[in-house]
């Protein structure tokens, strides 16, 4: 990776962390909701009740807060959390 590319990537990550966290959080939440909804639909198509499908889909993805923090860690890199 070229130095300019590396600096650009670091700048983008800092910007996300410090000035766009709310927007980024909203995008993460929407993405997680989409995946849960798609999984629930698959389960309903396989015969699960709507309630059981929703519960199983949420269980598959786990704790929203923990997942969101893991995504922030992955984007920010080690030691760069807001």
N, C-alpha and C. Protein backbone atom coordinates (compact mmCIF):
# COMPACT_ATOMS: atom_id res chain seq x y z
N UNK A 1 0.86 -1.18 0.00
CA UNK A 1 0.00 0.00 0.00
C UNK A 1 0.90 1.24 0.00
N UNK A 2 0.56 2.18 -0.86
CA UNK A 2 1.33 3.42 -0.93
C UNK A 2 1.07 4.27 0.30
N UNK A 3 2.03 5.11 0.63
CA UNK A 3 1.92 5.98 1.80
C UNK A 3 0.69 6.89 1.69
N UNK A 4 0.43 7.42 0.51
CA UNK A 4 -0.74 8.30 0.35
C UNK A 4 -2.04 7.54 0.59
N UNK A 5 -2.09 6.28 0.14
CA UNK A 5 -3.28 5.47 0.38
C UNK A 5 -3.46 5.18 1.86
N UNK A 6 -2.35 4.88 2.52
CA UNK A 6 -2.39 4.62 3.95
C UNK A 6 -2.86 5.85 4.73
N UNK A 7 -2.31 7.01 4.39
CA UNK A 7 -2.72 8.24 5.06
C UNK A 7 -4.18 8.57 4.79
N UNK A 8 -4.62 8.33 3.57
CA UNK A 8 -6.03 8.56 3.22
C UNK A 8 -6.93 7.64 4.04
N UNK A 9 -6.56 6.39 4.15
CA UNK A 9 -7.35 5.43 4.93
C UNK A 9 -7.38 5.82 6.41
N UNK A 10 -6.24 6.20 6.96
CA UNK A 10 -6.20 6.63 8.36
C UNK A 10 -7.05 7.88 8.58
N UNK A 11 -6.97 8.83 7.64
CA UNK A 11 -7.79 10.03 7.74
C UNK A 11 -9.27 9.71 7.70
N UNK A 12 -9.66 8.78 6.83
CA UNK A 12 -11.06 8.37 6.74
C UNK A 12 -11.53 7.72 8.05
N UNK A 13 -10.69 6.90 8.62
CA UNK A 13 -11.06 6.25 9.88
C UNK A 13 -11.17 7.24 11.03
N UNK A 14 -10.24 8.18 11.12
CA UNK A 14 -10.33 9.21 12.15
C UNK A 14 -11.59 10.05 11.98
N UNK A 15 -11.90 10.39 10.75
CA UNK A 15 -13.11 11.17 10.49
C UNK A 15 -14.34 10.40 10.93
N UNK A 16 -14.40 9.11 10.60
CA UNK A 16 -15.53 8.29 11.01
C UNK A 16 -15.64 8.25 12.52
N UNK A 17 -14.52 8.07 13.17
CA UNK A 17 -14.53 7.91 14.62
C UNK A 17 -14.96 9.20 15.32
N UNK A 18 -14.40 10.32 14.91
CA UNK A 18 -14.59 11.54 15.67
C UNK A 18 -15.72 12.44 15.19
N UNK A 19 -16.06 12.41 13.92
CA UNK A 19 -17.08 13.35 13.47
C UNK A 19 -18.32 12.70 12.88
N UNK A 20 -18.27 11.42 12.63
CA UNK A 20 -19.41 10.77 11.99
C UNK A 20 -19.92 9.57 12.76
N UNK A 21 -19.64 9.49 14.02
CA UNK A 21 -20.00 8.29 14.77
C UNK A 21 -21.52 8.05 14.77
N UNK A 22 -22.30 9.09 14.96
CA UNK A 22 -23.76 8.90 15.00
C UNK A 22 -24.27 8.36 13.66
N UNK A 23 -23.80 8.96 12.59
CA UNK A 23 -24.22 8.48 11.26
C UNK A 23 -23.76 7.04 11.04
N UNK A 24 -22.53 6.75 11.42
CA UNK A 24 -21.99 5.40 11.28
C UNK A 24 -22.80 4.42 12.13
N UNK A 25 -23.13 4.81 13.36
CA UNK A 25 -23.96 3.95 14.22
C UNK A 25 -25.31 3.67 13.57
N UNK A 26 -25.91 4.69 12.97
CA UNK A 26 -27.20 4.50 12.31
C UNK A 26 -27.08 3.53 11.13
N UNK A 27 -25.99 3.65 10.37
CA UNK A 27 -25.78 2.75 9.25
C UNK A 27 -25.55 1.32 9.73
N UNK A 28 -24.80 1.17 10.81
CA UNK A 28 -24.58 -0.17 11.37
C UNK A 28 -25.90 -0.76 11.83
N UNK A 29 -26.69 0.02 12.55
CA UNK A 29 -27.98 -0.46 13.05
C UNK A 29 -28.89 -0.89 11.91
N UNK A 30 -28.93 -0.09 10.84
CA UNK A 30 -29.76 -0.43 9.68
C UNK A 30 -29.27 -1.72 9.02
N UNK A 31 -27.97 -1.87 8.91
CA UNK A 31 -27.41 -3.08 8.32
C UNK A 31 -27.73 -4.31 9.17
N UNK A 32 -27.61 -4.18 10.47
CA UNK A 32 -27.93 -5.31 11.35
C UNK A 32 -29.42 -5.65 11.26
N UNK A 33 -30.27 -4.62 11.21
CA UNK A 33 -31.71 -4.86 11.11
C UNK A 33 -32.03 -5.58 9.81
N UNK A 34 -31.40 -5.17 8.72
CA UNK A 34 -31.63 -5.81 7.44
C UNK A 34 -31.28 -7.30 7.51
N UNK A 35 -30.14 -7.63 8.08
CA UNK A 35 -29.73 -9.02 8.18
C UNK A 35 -30.67 -9.83 9.08
N UNK A 36 -31.09 -9.23 10.20
CA UNK A 36 -32.05 -9.92 11.07
C UNK A 36 -33.36 -10.16 10.35
N UNK A 37 -33.85 -9.15 9.64
CA UNK A 37 -35.12 -9.28 8.91
C UNK A 37 -35.04 -10.34 7.81
N UNK A 38 -33.92 -10.36 7.08
CA UNK A 38 -33.75 -11.36 6.03
C UNK A 38 -33.72 -12.77 6.61
N UNK A 39 -33.00 -12.92 7.71
CA UNK A 39 -32.94 -14.25 8.36
C UNK A 39 -34.30 -14.65 8.88
N UNK A 40 -35.02 -13.73 9.49
CA UNK A 40 -36.37 -14.04 10.00
C UNK A 40 -37.28 -14.46 8.85
N UNK A 41 -37.18 -13.78 7.70
CA UNK A 41 -38.00 -14.14 6.54
C UNK A 41 -37.68 -15.55 6.07
N UNK A 42 -36.39 -15.89 6.02
CA UNK A 42 -35.99 -17.25 5.63
C UNK A 42 -36.60 -18.28 6.58
N UNK A 43 -36.55 -18.00 7.86
CA UNK A 43 -37.10 -18.93 8.85
C UNK A 43 -38.61 -19.06 8.72
N UNK A 44 -39.29 -17.94 8.48
CA UNK A 44 -40.75 -18.01 8.25
C UNK A 44 -41.07 -18.82 7.00
N UNK A 45 -40.27 -18.62 5.95
CA UNK A 45 -40.47 -19.39 4.72
C UNK A 45 -40.27 -20.88 4.95
N UNK A 46 -39.44 -21.22 5.93
CA UNK A 46 -39.21 -22.63 6.28
C UNK A 46 -40.23 -23.16 7.27
N UNK A 47 -41.23 -22.32 7.65
CA UNK A 47 -42.32 -22.80 8.49
C UNK A 47 -42.36 -22.28 9.90
N UNK A 48 -41.42 -21.45 10.31
CA UNK A 48 -41.44 -20.91 11.68
C UNK A 48 -42.52 -19.84 11.80
N UNK A 49 -43.05 -19.70 13.00
CA UNK A 49 -44.02 -18.62 13.25
C UNK A 49 -43.26 -17.29 13.20
N UNK A 50 -43.97 -16.19 12.93
CA UNK A 50 -43.28 -14.89 12.91
C UNK A 50 -42.51 -14.59 14.20
N UNK A 51 -43.12 -14.90 15.34
CA UNK A 51 -42.46 -14.64 16.62
C UNK A 51 -41.21 -15.51 16.80
N UNK A 52 -41.33 -16.80 16.49
CA UNK A 52 -40.18 -17.70 16.61
C UNK A 52 -39.07 -17.30 15.64
N UNK A 53 -39.45 -16.91 14.43
CA UNK A 53 -38.45 -16.50 13.43
C UNK A 53 -37.71 -15.26 13.89
N UNK A 54 -38.44 -14.29 14.42
CA UNK A 54 -37.81 -13.05 14.89
C UNK A 54 -36.86 -13.34 16.06
N UNK A 55 -37.30 -14.18 16.99
CA UNK A 55 -36.48 -14.53 18.15
C UNK A 55 -35.21 -15.28 17.72
N UNK A 56 -35.35 -16.24 16.80
CA UNK A 56 -34.20 -17.02 16.34
C UNK A 56 -33.23 -16.15 15.56
N UNK A 57 -33.74 -15.24 14.75
CA UNK A 57 -32.86 -14.36 13.97
C UNK A 57 -32.07 -13.46 14.90
N UNK A 58 -32.71 -12.91 15.92
CA UNK A 58 -31.99 -12.07 16.88
C UNK A 58 -30.94 -12.88 17.62
N UNK A 59 -31.29 -14.10 18.00
CA UNK A 59 -30.34 -14.96 18.70
C UNK A 59 -29.11 -15.29 17.86
N UNK A 60 -29.32 -15.43 16.58
CA UNK A 60 -28.20 -15.75 15.70
C UNK A 60 -27.17 -14.61 15.66
N UNK A 61 -27.65 -13.37 15.69
CA UNK A 61 -26.75 -12.23 15.60
C UNK A 61 -26.26 -11.76 16.96
N UNK A 62 -26.92 -12.15 18.02
CA UNK A 62 -26.45 -11.82 19.35
C UNK A 62 -26.75 -10.41 19.80
N UNK A 63 -25.98 -9.95 20.75
CA UNK A 63 -26.17 -8.67 21.40
C UNK A 63 -25.82 -7.52 20.46
N UNK A 64 -26.80 -6.64 20.19
CA UNK A 64 -26.59 -5.53 19.27
C UNK A 64 -25.47 -4.59 19.72
N UNK A 65 -25.45 -4.24 20.99
CA UNK A 65 -24.43 -3.32 21.50
C UNK A 65 -23.03 -3.92 21.35
N UNK A 66 -22.89 -5.17 21.72
CA UNK A 66 -21.59 -5.83 21.60
C UNK A 66 -21.15 -5.91 20.14
N UNK A 67 -22.06 -6.26 19.27
CA UNK A 67 -21.74 -6.35 17.84
C UNK A 67 -21.35 -4.98 17.28
N UNK A 68 -22.07 -3.95 17.67
CA UNK A 68 -21.76 -2.60 17.21
C UNK A 68 -20.35 -2.18 17.67
N UNK A 69 -20.01 -2.49 18.92
CA UNK A 69 -18.69 -2.16 19.43
C UNK A 69 -17.59 -2.95 18.72
N UNK A 70 -17.86 -4.20 18.38
CA UNK A 70 -16.89 -5.00 17.64
C UNK A 70 -16.66 -4.40 16.25
N UNK A 71 -17.73 -3.91 15.64
CA UNK A 71 -17.60 -3.27 14.32
C UNK A 71 -16.77 -2.00 14.44
N UNK A 72 -17.02 -1.20 15.49
CA UNK A 72 -16.21 0.01 15.70
C UNK A 72 -14.74 -0.35 15.87
N UNK A 73 -14.47 -1.39 16.64
CA UNK A 73 -13.08 -1.82 16.85
C UNK A 73 -12.44 -2.22 15.53
N UNK A 74 -13.18 -2.96 14.72
CA UNK A 74 -12.65 -3.41 13.44
C UNK A 74 -12.32 -2.24 12.52
N UNK A 75 -13.19 -1.23 12.51
CA UNK A 75 -12.98 -0.06 11.65
C UNK A 75 -11.89 0.85 12.19
N UNK A 76 -11.88 1.01 13.49
CA UNK A 76 -10.94 1.97 14.09
C UNK A 76 -9.54 1.40 14.20
N UNK A 77 -9.44 0.10 14.35
CA UNK A 77 -8.14 -0.51 14.58
C UNK A 77 -7.83 -0.49 16.06
N UNK A 78 -6.78 -1.15 16.46
CA UNK A 78 -6.44 -1.24 17.89
C UNK A 78 -6.12 0.13 18.49
N UNK A 79 -6.77 0.40 19.61
CA UNK A 79 -6.46 1.60 20.37
C UNK A 79 -7.04 2.89 19.82
N UNK A 80 -7.93 2.86 18.86
CA UNK A 80 -8.45 4.07 18.26
C UNK A 80 -9.96 4.20 18.42
N UNK A 81 -10.49 3.95 19.58
CA UNK A 81 -11.93 4.05 19.78
C UNK A 81 -12.29 5.42 20.30
N UNK A 82 -13.52 5.84 20.02
CA UNK A 82 -13.98 7.15 20.49
C UNK A 82 -14.62 7.02 21.84
